[in-house]
Amino acid sequence: MLQLLQDEDEPYLDIGEDMNVPDDFTPTELQSGMWWRHLAAGGVAGAVSRTCTAPLDRIKVFLQVQTQKTGISDSLRYMLREGGLRSMWRGNGINVLKIAPESALKFAAYEKIKRLIRGDDKRQMTIGERFIAGAAAGGISQTVIYPMEVLKTRLALRKTGQYTGIVDAAKKIYVHEGVRSFYRGYIPNMLGIIPYAGIDLAVYETLKKKYLSSHNTEQPSFLVLLACGSASSTLGQVCSYPLALVRTRLQAQVVAKSKQSPPMGAIPLKQAGAANDDNMMGVFRKILRTEGICGLYRGITPNFIKVLPAVSISYVVYEYSSRCLGVNMT
């Protein structure tokens, strides 16, 4: 989701994934209540952006769970043949629904943790302190909304007629697999916050300061900030992507509570949940053994392809949404 962050008094756009560092608002915005308008505008922008790029996201998830090399075109043909054009938006509904609670929880936790770190001191936080606060806030919000992440993956991979909707999917997963299945892949997801948020923030700040030191200007243009954000987000994704892939494979596993065979999943491949491959290290070892290093980066191409349209759509929608809510981007 597009986010408006603050670096001292200078707003900039962060184009990271769900694990990024949360919004950092000015004292004036916090006191005036303007922060909720930023969150609302960002939520609308994120919802529209994710809906427009949902087909690429579904292809990414589909490729992540494949155990053999599969092309983007092959995946696209399969999904269109199996469920038609509308199937390309499977899982997008819950993806949009989780934007608001995730952003609100992340913001509230971030503000609380910042106060704990700074105490009564009104100084600006260092990059390290802000990263710690952001990573902790991201961990808290992800813990609360993680079952929705699992539902999103299952809905994105479902076959036509397997689930009638979000509630039906939640009921069937609970009945056949139990509560623990709603937290499959939780550990690699949490571990992924550290490299992603840290690299994204550190690289962004480094590139921005490098630009400012070589150009006699106080405020970089939006295009410069966008380029810095794109580079930092891309590098962060490259470093944390194997953890995201393992998380998705664990989320996609269908594990029965009893010895009876679990219901057939929607994934047209051998299920990843074999007896010794139902944990993070087991999945890692299996991928390296059977698919090699490249297997840890399956689906990363559509993930990169969607960055530019996602950011462009988010920025435009954020502009119009913020104006309607009385917020002006500077």
C-alpha atoms as a PDB file:
ATOM      1  CA  MET A   1       0.000   0.000   0.000  1.00  0.00           C
ATOM      2  CA  LEU A   2       1.161   3.492  -0.801  1.00  0.00           C
ATOM      3  CA  GLN A   3       2.262   5.172   2.367  1.00  0.00           C
ATOM      4  CA  LEU A   4       3.044   8.766   3.212  1.00  0.00           C
ATOM      5  CA  LEU A   5       6.004   8.784   5.556  1.00  0.00           C
ATOM      6  CA  GLN A   6       7.920  11.586   7.153  1.00  0.00           C
ATOM      7  CA  ASP A   7      11.672  12.088   7.186  1.00  0.00           C
ATOM      8  CA  GLU A   8      11.988  14.923   9.649  1.00  0.00           C
ATOM      9  CA  ASP A   9       9.723  17.522   7.936  1.00  0.00           C
ATOM     10  CA  GLU A  10       9.884  16.096   4.416  1.00  0.00           C
ATOM     11  CA  PRO A  11       7.139  13.741   3.219  1.00  0.00           C
ATOM     12  CA  TYR A  12       8.051  10.922   0.906  1.00  0.00           C
ATOM     13  CA  LEU A  13       6.411   7.917  -0.634  1.00  0.00           C
ATOM     14  CA  ASP A  14       7.216   4.395   0.437  1.00  0.00           C
ATOM     15  CA  ILE A  15       6.331   1.659  -2.056  1.00  0.00           C
ATOM     16  CA  GLY A  16       7.160  -1.397  -0.010  1.00  0.00           C
ATOM     17  CA  GLU A  17       5.057  -4.495   0.573  1.00  0.00           C
ATOM     18  CA  ASP A  18       3.010  -5.287   3.664  1.00  0.00           C
ATOM     19  CA  MET A  19       6.067  -5.694   5.885  1.00  0.00           C
ATOM     20  CA  ASN A  20       7.319  -2.129   5.519  1.00  0.00           C
ATOM     21  CA  VAL A  21       7.919   0.503   8.194  1.00  0.00           C
ATOM     22  CA  PRO A  22       4.653   2.262   9.124  1.00  0.00           C
ATOM     23  CA  ASP A  23       3.598   5.847   8.671  1.00  0.00           C
ATOM     24  CA  ASP A  24       5.436   8.466  10.725  1.00  0.00           C
ATOM     25  CA  PHE A  25       3.255  11.557  11.156  1.00  0.00           C
ATOM     26  CA  THR A  26       4.165  15.003  12.410  1.00  0.00           C
ATOM     27  CA  PRO A  27       3.039  16.169  15.895  1.00  0.00           C
ATOM     28  CA  THR A  28       0.684  18.648  14.217  1.00  0.00           C
ATOM     29  CA  GLU A  29      -0.991  15.883  12.218  1.00  0.00           C
ATOM     30  CA  LEU A  30      -1.348  13.723  15.307  1.00  0.00           C
ATOM     31  CA  GLN A  31      -2.886  16.509  17.397  1.00  0.00           C
ATOM     32  CA  SER A  32      -5.250  17.708  14.663  1.00  0.00           C
ATOM     33  CA  GLY A  33      -6.469  14.200  13.794  1.00  0.00           C
ATOM     34  CA  MET A  34      -5.175  14.595  10.235  1.00  0.00           C
ATOM     35  CA  TRP A  35      -3.421  11.223  10.537  1.00  0.00           C
ATOM     36  CA  TRP A  36      -6.618   9.249   9.999  1.00  0.00           C
ATOM     37  CA  ARG A  37      -7.190  11.067   6.704  1.00  0.00           C
ATOM     38  CA  HIS A  38      -3.734  10.015   5.532  1.00  0.00           C
ATOM     39  CA  LEU A  39      -4.538   6.422   6.515  1.00  0.00           C
ATOM     40  CA  ALA A  40      -7.927   6.552   4.799  1.00  0.00           C
ATOM     41  CA  ALA A  41      -6.468   8.017   1.595  1.00  0.00           C
ATOM     42  CA  GLY A  42      -3.664   5.438   1.675  1.00  0.00           C
ATOM     43  CA  GLY A  43      -6.199   2.670   2.237  1.00  0.00           C
ATOM     44  CA  VAL A  44      -8.250   3.713  -0.798  1.00  0.00           C
ATOM     45  CA  ALA A  45      -5.081   3.986  -2.891  1.00  0.00           C
ATOM     46  CA  GLY A  46      -3.903   0.578  -1.728  1.00  0.00           C
ATOM     47  CA  ALA A  47      -7.283  -1.033  -2.435  1.00  0.00           C
ATOM     48  CA  VAL A  48      -7.465   0.353  -5.975  1.00  0.00           C
ATOM     49  CA  SER A  49      -3.814  -0.447  -6.685  1.00  0.00           C
ATOM     50  CA  ARG A  50      -4.086  -4.031  -5.441  1.00  0.00           C
ATOM     51  CA  THR A  51      -7.298  -4.581  -7.391  1.00  0.00           C
ATOM     52  CA  CYS A  52      -5.713  -3.322 -10.623  1.00  0.00           C
ATOM     53  CA  THR A  53      -2.607  -5.477 -10.179  1.00  0.00           C
ATOM     54  CA  ALA A  54      -4.405  -8.518  -8.668  1.00  0.00           C
ATOM     55  CA  PRO A  55      -3.857 -10.733 -11.768  1.00  0.00           C
ATOM     56  CA  LEU A  56      -0.084 -10.278 -11.454  1.00  0.00           C
ATOM     57  CA  ASP A  57      -0.277 -11.020  -7.740  1.00  0.00           C
ATOM     58  CA  ARG A  58      -2.234 -14.222  -8.352  1.00  0.00           C
ATOM     59  CA  ILE A  59       0.264 -15.342 -10.991  1.00  0.00           C
ATOM     60  CA  LYS A  60       3.058 -14.683  -8.486  1.00  0.00           C
ATOM     61  CA  VAL A  61       1.358 -16.820  -5.800  1.00  0.00           C
ATOM     62  CA  PHE A  62       0.634 -19.544  -8.361  1.00  0.00           C
ATOM     63  CA  LEU A  63       4.286 -19.656  -9.455  1.00  0.00           C
ATOM     64  CA  GLN A  64       5.546 -19.637  -5.863  1.00  0.00           C
ATOM     65  CA  VAL A  65       3.878 -22.977  -5.107  1.00  0.00           C
ATOM     66  CA  GLN A  66       5.054 -24.755  -8.254  1.00  0.00           C
ATOM     67  CA  THR A  67       7.715 -27.415  -7.738  1.00  0.00           C
ATOM     68  CA  GLN A  68       8.723 -27.461 -11.406  1.00  0.00           C
ATOM     69  CA  LYS A  69       9.714 -24.603 -13.672  1.00  0.00           C
ATOM     70  CA  THR A  70       6.576 -22.950 -15.013  1.00  0.00           C
ATOM     71  CA  GLY A  71       6.357 -19.857 -17.196  1.00  0.00           C
ATOM     72  CA  ILE A  72       4.134 -16.835 -16.664  1.00  0.00           C
ATOM     73  CA  SER A  73       2.281 -17.491 -19.922  1.00  0.00           C
ATOM     74  CA  ASP A  74       1.656 -21.148 -18.985  1.00  0.00           C
ATOM     75  CA  SER A  75       0.283 -20.111 -15.593  1.00  0.00           C
ATOM     76  CA  LEU A  76      -1.930 -17.469 -17.173  1.00  0.00           C
ATOM     77  CA  ARG A  77      -3.349 -19.925 -19.702  1.00  0.00           C
ATOM     78  CA  TYR A  78      -4.069 -22.487 -16.991  1.00  0.00           C
ATOM     79  CA  MET A  79      -5.895 -19.998 -14.773  1.00  0.00           C
ATOM     80  CA  LEU A  80      -7.960 -18.598 -17.652  1.00  0.00           C
ATOM     81  CA  ARG A  81      -8.849 -22.088 -18.839  1.00  0.00           C
ATOM     82  CA  GLU A  82      -9.747 -23.286 -15.336  1.00  0.00           C
ATOM     83  CA  GLY A  83     -11.808 -20.304 -14.153  1.00  0.00           C
ATOM     84  CA  GLY A  84     -12.096 -17.671 -16.851  1.00  0.00           C
ATOM     85  CA  LEU A  85     -11.124 -14.004 -16.676  1.00  0.00           C
ATOM     86  CA  ARG A  86     -12.832 -13.392 -13.318  1.00  0.00           C
ATOM     87  CA  SER A  87     -10.622 -16.019 -11.691  1.00  0.00           C
ATOM     88  CA  MET A  88      -7.650 -13.666 -12.043  1.00  0.00           C
ATOM     89  CA  TRP A  89      -9.047 -11.669  -9.102  1.00  0.00           C
ATOM     90  CA  ARG A  90      -9.410 -14.619  -6.715  1.00  0.00           C
ATOM     91  CA  GLY A  91      -8.199 -13.680  -3.246  1.00  0.00           C
ATOM     92  CA  ASN A  92      -8.304  -9.957  -3.976  1.00  0.00           C
ATOM     93  CA  GLY A  93     -11.385  -9.333  -1.824  1.00  0.00           C
ATOM     94  CA  ILE A  94      -9.715 -10.314   1.428  1.00  0.00           C
ATOM     95  CA  ASN A  95      -6.485  -8.667   0.285  1.00  0.00           C
ATOM     96  CA  VAL A  96      -8.388  -5.370   0.138  1.00  0.00           C
ATOM     97  CA  LEU A  97     -10.294  -6.014   3.376  1.00  0.00           C
ATOM     98  CA  LYS A  98      -7.113  -6.445   5.411  1.00  0.00           C
ATOM     99  CA  ILE A  99      -5.628  -3.077   4.368  1.00  0.00           C
ATOM    100  CA  ALA A 100      -7.581  -0.993   6.899  1.00  0.00           C
ATOM    101  CA  PRO A 101      -7.033  -3.084  10.069  1.00  0.00           C
ATOM    102  CA  GLU A 102      -3.414  -3.773   9.174  1.00  0.00           C
ATOM    103  CA  SER A 103      -2.617  -0.084   8.629  1.00  0.00           C
ATOM    104  CA  ALA A 104      -4.464   1.019  11.787  1.00  0.00           C
ATOM    105  CA  LEU A 105      -2.772  -1.613  13.962  1.00  0.00           C
ATOM    106  CA  LYS A 106       0.648  -0.862  12.491  1.00  0.00           C
ATOM    107  CA  PHE A 107       0.219   2.871  13.047  1.00  0.00           C
ATOM    108  CA  ALA A 108      -1.053   2.513  16.637  1.00  0.00           C
ATOM    109  CA  ALA A 109       1.713   0.073  17.591  1.00  0.00           C
ATOM    110  CA  TYR A 110       4.361   2.229  15.899  1.00  0.00           C
ATOM    111  CA  GLU A 111       3.350   5.350  17.814  1.00  0.00           C
ATOM    112  CA  LYS A 112       3.276   3.464  21.127  1.00  0.00           C
ATOM    113  CA  ILE A 113       6.689   1.859  20.576  1.00  0.00           C
ATOM    114  CA  LYS A 114       8.204   5.209  19.538  1.00  0.00           C
ATOM    115  CA  ARG A 115       7.008   6.743  22.818  1.00  0.00           C
ATOM    116  CA  LEU A 116       8.553   3.852  24.746  1.00  0.00           C
ATOM    117  CA  ILE A 117      11.897   4.337  22.961  1.00  0.00           C
ATOM    118  CA  ARG A 118      12.046   8.128  23.230  1.00  0.00           C
ATOM    119  CA  GLY A 119      10.319   8.561  26.577  1.00  0.00           C
ATOM    120  CA  ASP A 120       9.838  12.278  27.299  1.00  0.00           C
ATOM    121  CA  ASP A 121      12.570  13.248  24.832  1.00  0.00           C
ATOM    122  CA  LYS A 122      11.217  15.115  21.768  1.00  0.00           C
ATOM    123  CA  ARG A 123      14.296  14.425  19.627  1.00  0.00           C
ATOM    124  CA  GLN A 124      14.172  12.982  16.138  1.00  0.00           C
ATOM    125  CA  MET A 125      14.543   9.201  16.065  1.00  0.00           C
ATOM    126  CA  THR A 126      17.585   7.657  14.414  1.00  0.00           C
ATOM    127  CA  ILE A 127      17.230   5.260  11.479  1.00  0.00           C
ATOM    128  CA  GLY A 128      18.068   2.339  13.774  1.00  0.00           C
ATOM    129  CA  GLU A 129      15.451   3.311  16.345  1.00  0.00           C
ATOM    130  CA  ARG A 130      12.845   3.887  13.679  1.00  0.00           C
ATOM    131  CA  PHE A 131      13.615   0.527  12.108  1.00  0.00           C
ATOM    132  CA  ILE A 132      13.229  -1.246  15.465  1.00  0.00           C
ATOM    133  CA  ALA A 133       9.908   0.507  16.098  1.00  0.00           C
ATOM    134  CA  GLY A 134       8.700  -0.191  12.554  1.00  0.00           C
ATOM    135  CA  ALA A 135       9.732  -3.852  12.586  1.00  0.00           C
ATOM    136  CA  ALA A 136       8.047  -4.389  15.969  1.00  0.00           C
ATOM    137  CA  ALA A 137       4.881  -2.623  14.816  1.00  0.00           C
ATOM    138  CA  GLY A 138       4.862  -4.674  11.621  1.00  0.00           C
ATOM    139  CA  GLY A 139       5.260  -7.847  13.655  1.00  0.00           C
ATOM    140  CA  ILE A 140       2.317  -6.950  15.897  1.00  0.00           C
ATOM    141  CA  SER A 141      -0.001  -6.076  13.008  1.00  0.00           C
ATOM    142  CA  GLN A 142       1.021  -9.168  11.042  1.00  0.00           C
ATOM    143  CA  THR A 143       0.360 -11.405  14.046  1.00  0.00           C
ATOM    144  CA  VAL A 144      -3.201 -10.109  14.349  1.00  0.00           C
ATOM    145  CA  ILE A 145      -4.124 -10.167  10.654  1.00  0.00           C
ATOM    146  CA  TYR A 146      -2.071 -13.219   9.633  1.00  0.00           C
ATOM    147  CA  PRO A 147      -5.089 -15.576   9.317  1.00  0.00           C
ATOM    148  CA  MET A 148      -6.314 -13.233   6.572  1.00  0.00           C
ATOM    149  CA  GLU A 149      -2.990 -13.718   4.771  1.00  0.00           C
ATOM    150  CA  VAL A 150      -3.499 -17.492   4.832  1.00  0.00           C
ATOM    151  CA  LEU A 151      -7.070 -17.078   3.557  1.00  0.00           C
ATOM    152  CA  LYS A 152      -5.821 -14.830   0.754  1.00  0.00           C
ATOM    153  CA  THR A 153      -3.347 -17.478  -0.398  1.00  0.00           C
ATOM    154  CA  ARG A 154      -5.921 -20.289  -0.245  1.00  0.00           C
ATOM    155  CA  LEU A 155      -8.528 -18.215  -2.100  1.00  0.00           C
ATOM    156  CA  ALA A 156      -6.004 -17.186  -4.758  1.00  0.00           C
ATOM    157  CA  LEU A 157      -5.142 -20.843  -5.397  1.00  0.00           C
ATOM    158  CA  ARG A 158      -8.631 -22.323  -5.160  1.00  0.00           C
ATOM    159  CA  LYS A 159     -10.352 -24.167  -7.988  1.00  0.00           C
ATOM    160  CA  THR A 160     -13.713 -23.064  -9.330  1.00  0.00           C
ATOM    161  CA  GLY A 161     -16.427 -24.024  -6.845  1.00  0.00           C
ATOM    162  CA  GLN A 162     -14.052 -25.036  -4.058  1.00  0.00           C
ATOM    163  CA  TYR A 163     -15.144 -22.169  -1.799  1.00  0.00           C
ATOM    164  CA  THR A 164     -18.218 -19.957  -2.076  1.00  0.00           C
ATOM    165  CA  GLY A 165     -16.493 -17.062  -0.362  1.00  0.00           C
ATOM    166  CA  ILE A 166     -14.244 -15.887   2.466  1.00  0.00           C
ATOM    167  CA  VAL A 167     -16.467 -17.189   5.286  1.00  0.00           C
ATOM    168  CA  ASP A 168     -16.905 -20.574   3.597  1.00  0.00           C
ATOM    169  CA  ALA A 169     -13.141 -20.903   3.105  1.00  0.00           C
ATOM    170  CA  ALA A 170     -12.474 -20.040   6.768  1.00  0.00           C
ATOM    171  CA  LYS A 171     -15.052 -22.605   7.946  1.00  0.00           C
ATOM    172  CA  LYS A 172     -13.689 -25.414   5.768  1.00  0.00           C
ATOM    173  CA  ILE A 173     -10.076 -24.751   6.756  1.00  0.00           C
ATOM    174  CA  TYR A 174     -11.060 -24.719  10.439  1.00  0.00           C
ATOM    175  CA  VAL A 175     -13.136 -27.922  10.211  1.00  0.00           C
ATOM    176  CA  HIS A 176     -10.656 -29.966   8.160  1.00  0.00           C
ATOM    177  CA  GLU A 177      -7.340 -28.573   9.408  1.00  0.00           C
ATOM    178  CA  GLY A 178      -7.861 -26.798  12.731  1.00  0.00           C
ATOM    179  CA  VAL A 179      -6.891 -23.376  14.064  1.00  0.00           C
ATOM    180  CA  ARG A 180      -3.129 -23.916  13.624  1.00  0.00           C
ATOM    181  CA  SER A 181      -3.489 -23.867   9.834  1.00  0.00           C
ATOM    182  CA  PHE A 182      -4.368 -20.181  10.023  1.00  0.00           C
ATOM    183  CA  TYR A 183      -0.801 -19.523  11.180  1.00  0.00           C
ATOM    184  CA  ARG A 184       1.088 -21.746   8.746  1.00  0.00           C
ATOM    185  CA  GLY A 185       4.146 -19.860   7.467  1.00  0.00           C
ATOM    186  CA  TYR A 186       4.050 -17.394  10.362  1.00  0.00           C
ATOM    187  CA  ILE A 187       7.722 -17.800  11.334  1.00  0.00           C
ATOM    188  CA  PRO A 188       9.259 -17.085   7.876  1.00  0.00           C
ATOM    189  CA  ASN A 189       6.806 -14.202   7.539  1.00  0.00           C
ATOM    190  CA  MET A 190       8.062 -12.641  10.781  1.00  0.00           C
ATOM    191  CA  LEU A 191      11.700 -13.286   9.877  1.00  0.00           C
ATOM    192  CA  GLY A 192      11.104 -11.585   6.533  1.00  0.00           C
ATOM    193  CA  ILE A 193      10.170  -8.313   8.237  1.00  0.00           C
ATOM    194  CA  ILE A 194      13.736  -7.796   9.472  1.00  0.00           C
ATOM    195  CA  PRO A 195      15.674  -7.903   6.153  1.00  0.00           C
ATOM    196  CA  TYR A 196      12.892  -6.267   4.149  1.00  0.00           C
ATOM    197  CA  ALA A 197      12.134  -3.319   6.418  1.00  0.00           C
ATOM    198  CA  GLY A 198      15.784  -2.793   7.349  1.00  0.00           C
ATOM    199  CA  ILE A 199      17.162  -2.889   3.804  1.00  0.00           C
ATOM    200  CA  ASP A 200      14.257  -0.866   2.388  1.00  0.00           C
ATOM    201  CA  LEU A 201      14.697   1.921   4.934  1.00  0.00           C
ATOM    202  CA  ALA A 202      18.509   1.964   4.973  1.00  0.00           C
ATOM    203  CA  VAL A 203      18.910   1.915   1.163  1.00  0.00           C
ATOM    204  CA  TYR A 204      16.248   4.605   0.727  1.00  0.00           C
ATOM    205  CA  GLU A 205      17.924   6.941   3.215  1.00  0.00           C
ATOM    206  CA  THR A 206      21.376   6.272   1.728  1.00  0.00           C
ATOM    207  CA  LEU A 207      20.292   6.977  -1.864  1.00  0.00           C
ATOM    208  CA  LYS A 208      18.366  10.086  -0.864  1.00  0.00           C
ATOM    209  CA  LYS A 209      21.273  11.538   1.133  1.00  0.00           C
ATOM    210  CA  LYS A 210      23.661  10.675  -1.713  1.00  0.00           C
ATOM    211  CA  TYR A 211      21.460  12.631  -4.118  1.00  0.00           C
ATOM    212  CA  LEU A 212      21.175  15.618  -1.758  1.00  0.00           C
ATOM    213  CA  SER A 213      24.951  15.729  -1.239  1.00  0.00           C
ATOM    214  CA  SER A 214      25.616  15.810  -5.006  1.00  0.00           C
ATOM    215  CA  HIS A 215      22.814  18.282  -5.863  1.00  0.00           C
ATOM    216  CA  ASN A 216      22.370  21.685  -4.320  1.00  0.00           C
ATOM    217  CA  THR A 217      18.750  21.225  -3.290  1.00  0.00           C
ATOM    218  CA  GLU A 218      16.829  20.865  -0.036  1.00  0.00           C
ATOM    219  CA  GLN A 219      13.960  18.773  -1.393  1.00  0.00           C
ATOM    220  CA  PRO A 220      14.300  16.099  -4.108  1.00  0.00           C
ATOM    221  CA  SER A 221      11.602  15.903  -6.768  1.00  0.00           C
ATOM    222  CA  PHE A 222       8.913  13.245  -6.617  1.00  0.00           C
ATOM    223  CA  LEU A 223      10.578  11.315  -9.461  1.00  0.00           C
ATOM    224  CA  VAL A 224      13.855  11.179  -7.530  1.00  0.00           C
ATOM    225  CA  LEU A 225      12.061   9.968  -4.400  1.00  0.00           C
ATOM    226  CA  LEU A 226      10.160   7.420  -6.487  1.00  0.00           C
ATOM    227  CA  ALA A 227      13.411   6.139  -7.989  1.00  0.00           C
ATOM    228  CA  CYS A 228      15.012   5.838  -4.535  1.00  0.00           C
ATOM    229  CA  GLY A 229      11.926   4.095  -3.192  1.00  0.00           C
ATOM    230  CA  SER A 230      11.764   1.698  -6.144  1.00  0.00           C
ATOM    231  CA  ALA A 231      15.437   0.768  -5.788  1.00  0.00           C
ATOM    232  CA  SER A 232      15.223   0.239  -2.014  1.00  0.00           C
ATOM    233  CA  SER A 233      11.994  -1.746  -2.240  1.00  0.00           C
ATOM    234  CA  THR A 234      13.355  -3.946  -5.037  1.00  0.00           C
ATOM    235  CA  LEU A 235      16.547  -4.732  -3.119  1.00  0.00           C
ATOM    236  CA  GLY A 236      14.544  -5.435   0.014  1.00  0.00           C
ATOM    237  CA  GLN A 237      12.297  -7.837  -1.894  1.00  0.00           C
ATOM    238  CA  VAL A 238      15.247  -9.664  -3.464  1.00  0.00           C
ATOM    239  CA  CYS A 239      16.790 -10.278  -0.038  1.00  0.00           C
ATOM    240  CA  SER A 240      13.562 -11.336   1.701  1.00  0.00           C
ATOM    241  CA  TYR A 241      11.843 -13.126  -1.210  1.00  0.00           C
ATOM    242  CA  PRO A 242      12.961 -16.694  -0.317  1.00  0.00           C
ATOM    243  CA  LEU A 243      11.264 -16.287   3.074  1.00  0.00           C
ATOM    244  CA  ALA A 244       8.125 -14.995   1.370  1.00  0.00           C
ATOM    245  CA  LEU A 245       8.128 -17.984  -0.977  1.00  0.00           C
ATOM    246  CA  VAL A 246       8.508 -20.480   1.879  1.00  0.00           C
ATOM    247  CA  ARG A 247       5.713 -18.679   3.732  1.00  0.00           C
ATOM    248  CA  THR A 248       3.398 -19.015   0.729  1.00  0.00           C
ATOM    249  CA  ARG A 249       4.159 -22.715   0.316  1.00  0.00           C
ATOM    250  CA  LEU A 250       3.400 -23.343   3.976  1.00  0.00           C
ATOM    251  CA  GLN A 251       0.179 -21.328   3.725  1.00  0.00           C
ATOM    252  CA  ALA A 252      -0.875 -23.385   0.705  1.00  0.00           C
ATOM    253  CA  GLN A 253      -0.391 -26.736   2.421  1.00  0.00           C
ATOM    254  CA  VAL A 254      -3.543 -28.733   3.148  1.00  0.00           C
ATOM    255  CA  VAL A 255      -2.959 -30.649   6.379  1.00  0.00           C
ATOM    256  CA  ALA A 256      -5.744 -32.843   7.778  1.00  0.00           C
ATOM    257  CA  LYS A 257      -6.404 -33.025  11.537  1.00  0.00           C
ATOM    258  CA  SER A 258      -6.956 -36.774  11.338  1.00  0.00           C
ATOM    259  CA  LYS A 259      -5.391 -39.618   9.367  1.00  0.00           C
ATOM    260  CA  GLN A 260      -8.051 -39.254   6.708  1.00  0.00           C
ATOM    261  CA  SER A 261      -6.958 -37.755   3.431  1.00  0.00           C
ATOM    262  CA  PRO A 262      -7.271 -33.972   3.404  1.00  0.00           C
ATOM    263  CA  PRO A 263      -9.593 -32.355   0.891  1.00  0.00           C
ATOM    264  CA  MET A 264      -7.960 -31.770  -2.437  1.00  0.00           C
ATOM    265  CA  GLY A 265      -6.460 -28.322  -2.781  1.00  0.00           C
ATOM    266  CA  ALA A 266      -6.552 -26.113  -5.813  1.00  0.00           C
ATOM    267  CA  ILE A 267      -2.867 -26.384  -6.617  1.00  0.00           C
ATOM    268  CA  PRO A 268      -2.118 -28.468  -9.741  1.00  0.00           C
ATOM    269  CA  LEU A 269       1.087 -29.943  -8.326  1.00  0.00           C
ATOM    270  CA  LYS A 270       2.273 -32.374  -5.700  1.00  0.00           C
ATOM    271  CA  GLN A 271       1.318 -30.887  -2.317  1.00  0.00           C
ATOM    272  CA  ALA A 272       4.207 -29.269  -0.474  1.00  0.00           C
ATOM    273  CA  GLY A 273       3.047 -30.641   2.866  1.00  0.00           C
ATOM    274  CA  ALA A 274       4.815 -33.998   2.870  1.00  0.00           C
ATOM    275  CA  ALA A 275       5.495 -35.589   6.241  1.00  0.00           C
ATOM    276  CA  ASN A 276       8.955 -34.088   6.675  1.00  0.00           C
ATOM    277  CA  ASP A 277       8.317 -30.878   4.743  1.00  0.00           C
ATOM    278  CA  ASP A 278       5.660 -29.232   6.900  1.00  0.00           C
ATOM    279  CA  ASN A 279       7.932 -26.698   8.588  1.00  0.00           C
ATOM    280  CA  MET A 280      10.116 -23.818   7.440  1.00  0.00           C
ATOM    281  CA  MET A 281      13.460 -25.648   7.398  1.00  0.00           C
ATOM    282  CA  GLY A 282      11.902 -28.713   5.784  1.00  0.00           C
ATOM    283  CA  VAL A 283      10.488 -26.630   2.928  1.00  0.00           C
ATOM    284  CA  PHE A 284      13.812 -24.787   2.525  1.00  0.00           C
ATOM    285  CA  ARG A 285      15.739 -28.053   2.296  1.00  0.00           C
ATOM    286  CA  LYS A 286      13.261 -29.562  -0.153  1.00  0.00           C
ATOM    287  CA  ILE A 287      13.399 -26.526  -2.453  1.00  0.00           C
ATOM    288  CA  LEU A 288      17.210 -26.463  -2.472  1.00  0.00           C
ATOM    289  CA  ARG A 289      17.382 -30.236  -2.997  1.00  0.00           C
ATOM    290  CA  THR A 290      14.837 -30.500  -5.807  1.00  0.00           C
ATOM    291  CA  GLU A 291      14.778 -27.047  -7.414  1.00  0.00           C
ATOM    292  CA  GLY A 292      18.083 -25.393  -6.562  1.00  0.00           C
ATOM    293  CA  ILE A 293      18.707 -21.761  -5.629  1.00  0.00           C
ATOM    294  CA  CYS A 294      16.490 -20.535  -8.472  1.00  0.00           C
ATOM    295  CA  GLY A 295      13.573 -22.321  -6.850  1.00  0.00           C
ATOM    296  CA  LEU A 296      13.696 -19.815  -3.993  1.00  0.00           C
ATOM    297  CA  TYR A 297      12.866 -17.022  -6.449  1.00  0.00           C
ATOM    298  CA  ARG A 298       9.921 -18.527  -8.325  1.00  0.00           C
ATOM    299  CA  GLY A 299       7.354 -15.852  -9.120  1.00  0.00           C
ATOM    300  CA  ILE A 300       9.636 -12.894  -8.536  1.00  0.00           C
ATOM    301  CA  THR A 301       9.275 -11.663 -12.144  1.00  0.00           C
ATOM    302  CA  PRO A 302       5.542 -10.803 -11.954  1.00  0.00           C
ATOM    303  CA  ASN A 303       6.281  -9.365  -8.511  1.00  0.00           C
ATOM    304  CA  PHE A 304       8.686  -6.885 -10.115  1.00  0.00           C
ATOM    305  CA  ILE A 305       6.437  -6.249 -13.116  1.00  0.00           C
ATOM    306  CA  LYS A 306       3.620  -5.043 -10.860  1.00  0.00           C
ATOM    307  CA  VAL A 307       5.785  -2.501  -8.972  1.00  0.00           C
ATOM    308  CA  LEU A 308       5.598   0.332 -11.534  1.00  0.00           C
ATOM    309  CA  PRO A 309       1.843   0.162 -12.272  1.00  0.00           C
ATOM    310  CA  ALA A 310       1.086  -0.371  -8.570  1.00  0.00           C
ATOM    311  CA  VAL A 311       3.058   2.717  -7.544  1.00  0.00           C
ATOM    312  CA  SER A 312       1.654   4.861 -10.364  1.00  0.00           C
ATOM    313  CA  ILE A 313      -1.950   3.892  -9.612  1.00  0.00           C
ATOM    314  CA  SER A 314      -1.414   4.316  -5.866  1.00  0.00           C
ATOM    315  CA  TYR A 315       0.052   7.792  -6.276  1.00  0.00           C
ATOM    316  CA  VAL A 316      -2.737   9.046  -8.553  1.00  0.00           C
ATOM    317  CA  VAL A 317      -5.519   7.594  -6.398  1.00  0.00           C
ATOM    318  CA  TYR A 318      -3.837   8.875  -3.229  1.00  0.00           C
ATOM    319  CA  GLU A 319      -3.713  12.369  -4.711  1.00  0.00           C
ATOM    320  CA  TYR A 320      -7.439  12.440  -5.503  1.00  0.00           C
ATOM    321  CA  SER A 321      -8.471  10.683  -2.286  1.00  0.00           C
ATOM    322  CA  SER A 322      -6.402  12.995  -0.101  1.00  0.00           C
ATOM    323  CA  ARG A 323      -7.862  16.063  -1.788  1.00  0.00           C
ATOM    324  CA  CYS A 324     -11.384  14.815  -1.112  1.00  0.00           C
ATOM    325  CA  LEU A 325     -10.432  14.317   2.549  1.00  0.00           C
ATOM    326  CA  GLY A 326      -8.763  17.713   2.841  1.00  0.00           C
ATOM    327  CA  VAL A 327      -5.179  16.459   2.812  1.00  0.00           C
ATOM    328  CA  ASN A 328      -2.666  18.060   0.485  1.00  0.00           C
ATOM    329  CA  MET A 329       0.507  16.244  -0.600  1.00  0.00           C
ATOM    330  CA  THR A 330       3.496  18.548  -0.571  1.00  0.00           C
END
